Amino acid sequence: MIQEHIPMREEEDYTKSYTTLEAAEIVGVSDQTIRRWSEKGKYPDAVKTGGCWRIPKKYFKISLEEARKRKAFEQHLNEFNAQYGEET
């Protein structure tokens, strides 16, 4: 019996996109908001694979790592201000 060669689906390059959770963390909104924006076309090149959206990184001015550093800094600053107060 001769088996027919079935080409495999091209692998997605996830290094060039974010999930809705990652995008939400960067922007500071819920992942549901990112999904709604994707459905409405705010990110024209976003792709829905299965039930998950992938949003290209090109739509964000900062990376996920930078957003996490910013959040950690803001948290540290808030803790400092809560402990020592803001001086004017």
C-alpha atoms as a PDB file:
ATOM      1  CA  MET A   1       0.000   0.000   0.000  1.00  0.00           C
ATOM      2  CA  ILE A   2       1.415   3.407  -0.984  1.00  0.00           C
ATOM      3  CA  GLN A   3       0.939   6.152   1.563  1.00  0.00           C
ATOM      4  CA  GLU A   4       0.280   9.604   0.279  1.00  0.00           C
ATOM      5  CA  HIS A   5       2.528  12.324   1.693  1.00  0.00           C
ATOM      6  CA  ILE A   6       0.419  14.773   3.652  1.00  0.00           C
ATOM      7  CA  PRO A   7       2.217  18.072   4.209  1.00  0.00           C
ATOM      8  CA  MET A   8       2.325  19.168   7.811  1.00  0.00           C
ATOM      9  CA  ARG A   9       0.800  22.452   8.761  1.00  0.00           C
ATOM     10  CA  GLU A  10       3.364  25.216   8.924  1.00  0.00           C
ATOM     11  CA  GLU A  11       4.478  25.823  12.486  1.00  0.00           C
ATOM     12  CA  GLU A  12       3.449  29.108  14.039  1.00  0.00           C
ATOM     13  CA  ASP A  13       6.304  31.424  15.040  1.00  0.00           C
ATOM     14  CA  TYR A  14       5.179  32.386  18.521  1.00  0.00           C
ATOM     15  CA  THR A  15       8.313  34.444  19.147  1.00  0.00           C
ATOM     16  CA  LYS A  16       6.798  37.272  17.091  1.00  0.00           C
ATOM     17  CA  SER A  17       3.474  37.509  18.905  1.00  0.00           C
ATOM     18  CA  TYR A  18       1.851  37.676  22.331  1.00  0.00           C
ATOM     19  CA  THR A  19      -1.083  35.823  23.825  1.00  0.00           C
ATOM     20  CA  THR A  20      -4.063  37.861  24.991  1.00  0.00           C
ATOM     21  CA  LEU A  21      -2.853  37.473  28.594  1.00  0.00           C
ATOM     22  CA  GLU A  22       0.615  38.772  27.718  1.00  0.00           C
ATOM     23  CA  ALA A  23      -0.783  41.657  25.675  1.00  0.00           C
ATOM     24  CA  ALA A  24      -3.157  42.526  28.522  1.00  0.00           C
ATOM     25  CA  GLU A  25      -0.253  42.627  30.963  1.00  0.00           C
ATOM     26  CA  ILE A  26       1.627  45.044  28.728  1.00  0.00           C
ATOM     27  CA  VAL A  27      -1.310  47.362  28.100  1.00  0.00           C
ATOM     28  CA  GLY A  28      -2.789  47.142  31.592  1.00  0.00           C
ATOM     29  CA  VAL A  29      -6.245  45.890  30.638  1.00  0.00           C
ATOM     30  CA  SER A  30      -7.992  42.521  30.956  1.00  0.00           C
ATOM     31  CA  ASP A  31      -7.358  39.698  28.514  1.00  0.00           C
ATOM     32  CA  GLN A  32     -11.086  39.868  27.667  1.00  0.00           C
ATOM     33  CA  THR A  33     -10.535  43.453  26.482  1.00  0.00           C
ATOM     34  CA  ILE A  34      -7.647  42.327  24.260  1.00  0.00           C
ATOM     35  CA  ARG A  35      -9.862  39.581  22.802  1.00  0.00           C
ATOM     36  CA  ARG A  36     -12.646  42.072  22.079  1.00  0.00           C
ATOM     37  CA  TRP A  37     -10.173  44.476  20.458  1.00  0.00           C
ATOM     38  CA  SER A  38      -8.786  41.629  18.346  1.00  0.00           C
ATOM     39  CA  GLU A  39     -12.268  40.595  17.223  1.00  0.00           C
ATOM     40  CA  LYS A  40     -13.054  44.211  16.286  1.00  0.00           C
ATOM     41  CA  GLY A  41      -9.858  44.521  14.221  1.00  0.00           C
ATOM     42  CA  LYS A  42      -7.749  46.774  16.453  1.00  0.00           C
ATOM     43  CA  TYR A  43      -4.816  44.456  15.670  1.00  0.00           C
ATOM     44  CA  PRO A  44      -5.308  43.702  11.951  1.00  0.00           C
ATOM     45  CA  ASP A  45      -2.609  41.019  11.822  1.00  0.00           C
ATOM     46  CA  ALA A  46      -3.814  39.177  14.937  1.00  0.00           C
ATOM     47  CA  VAL A  47      -4.511  35.504  14.306  1.00  0.00           C
ATOM     48  CA  LYS A  48      -6.942  33.236  16.076  1.00  0.00           C
ATOM     49  CA  THR A  49      -5.497  29.747  16.418  1.00  0.00           C
ATOM     50  CA  GLY A  50      -7.945  27.345  17.934  1.00  0.00           C
ATOM     51  CA  GLY A  51      -9.649  29.481  20.541  1.00  0.00           C
ATOM     52  CA  CYS A  52      -6.619  31.667  21.266  1.00  0.00           C
ATOM     53  CA  TRP A  53      -5.579  34.962  19.748  1.00  0.00           C
ATOM     54  CA  ARG A  54      -1.948  35.745  18.881  1.00  0.00           C
ATOM     55  CA  ILE A  55      -1.205  39.456  18.576  1.00  0.00           C
ATOM     56  CA  PRO A  56       1.968  40.528  16.733  1.00  0.00           C
ATOM     57  CA  LYS A  57       4.552  42.256  18.918  1.00  0.00           C
ATOM     58  CA  LYS A  58       4.782  45.132  16.448  1.00  0.00           C
ATOM     59  CA  TYR A  59       1.626  46.655  17.965  1.00  0.00           C
ATOM     60  CA  PHE A  60       3.275  47.294  21.332  1.00  0.00           C
ATOM     61  CA  LYS A  61       5.804  50.016  22.174  1.00  0.00           C
ATOM     62  CA  ILE A  62       7.344  48.038  25.022  1.00  0.00           C
ATOM     63  CA  SER A  63       8.054  44.345  25.475  1.00  0.00           C
ATOM     64  CA  LEU A  64       6.495  42.047  28.048  1.00  0.00           C
ATOM     65  CA  GLU A  65       9.781  42.061  29.981  1.00  0.00           C
ATOM     66  CA  GLU A  66       9.832  45.869  30.048  1.00  0.00           C
ATOM     67  CA  ALA A  67       6.208  45.944  31.217  1.00  0.00           C
ATOM     68  CA  ARG A  68       7.048  43.561  34.057  1.00  0.00           C
ATOM     69  CA  LYS A  69      10.047  45.681  35.089  1.00  0.00           C
ATOM     70  CA  ARG A  70       7.847  48.796  35.028  1.00  0.00           C
ATOM     71  CA  LYS A  71       5.225  47.075  37.180  1.00  0.00           C
ATOM     72  CA  ALA A  72       7.847  45.904  39.702  1.00  0.00           C
ATOM     73  CA  PHE A  73       9.294  49.422  39.888  1.00  0.00           C
ATOM     74  CA  GLU A  74       5.855  50.969  40.394  1.00  0.00           C
ATOM     75  CA  GLN A  75       5.086  48.453  43.135  1.00  0.00           C
ATOM     76  CA  HIS A  76       8.408  49.206  44.860  1.00  0.00           C
ATOM     77  CA  LEU A  77       7.752  52.948  44.591  1.00  0.00           C
ATOM     78  CA  ASN A  78       4.239  52.556  46.018  1.00  0.00           C
ATOM     79  CA  GLU A  79       5.579  50.512  48.941  1.00  0.00           C
ATOM     80  CA  PHE A  80       8.280  53.109  49.594  1.00  0.00           C
ATOM     81  CA  ASN A  81       5.751  55.950  49.504  1.00  0.00           C
ATOM     82  CA  ALA A  82       3.368  54.036  51.787  1.00  0.00           C
ATOM     83  CA  GLN A  83       6.159  53.509  54.307  1.00  0.00           C
ATOM     84  CA  TYR A  84       7.867  56.894  54.202  1.00  0.00           C
ATOM     85  CA  GLY A  85       5.230  59.136  52.693  1.00  0.00           C
ATOM     86  CA  GLU A  86       5.706  61.545  49.857  1.00  0.00           C
ATOM     87  CA  GLU A  87       7.717  64.625  50.698  1.00  0.00           C
ATOM     88  CA  THR A  88       7.011  67.865  48.930  1.00  0.00           C
END
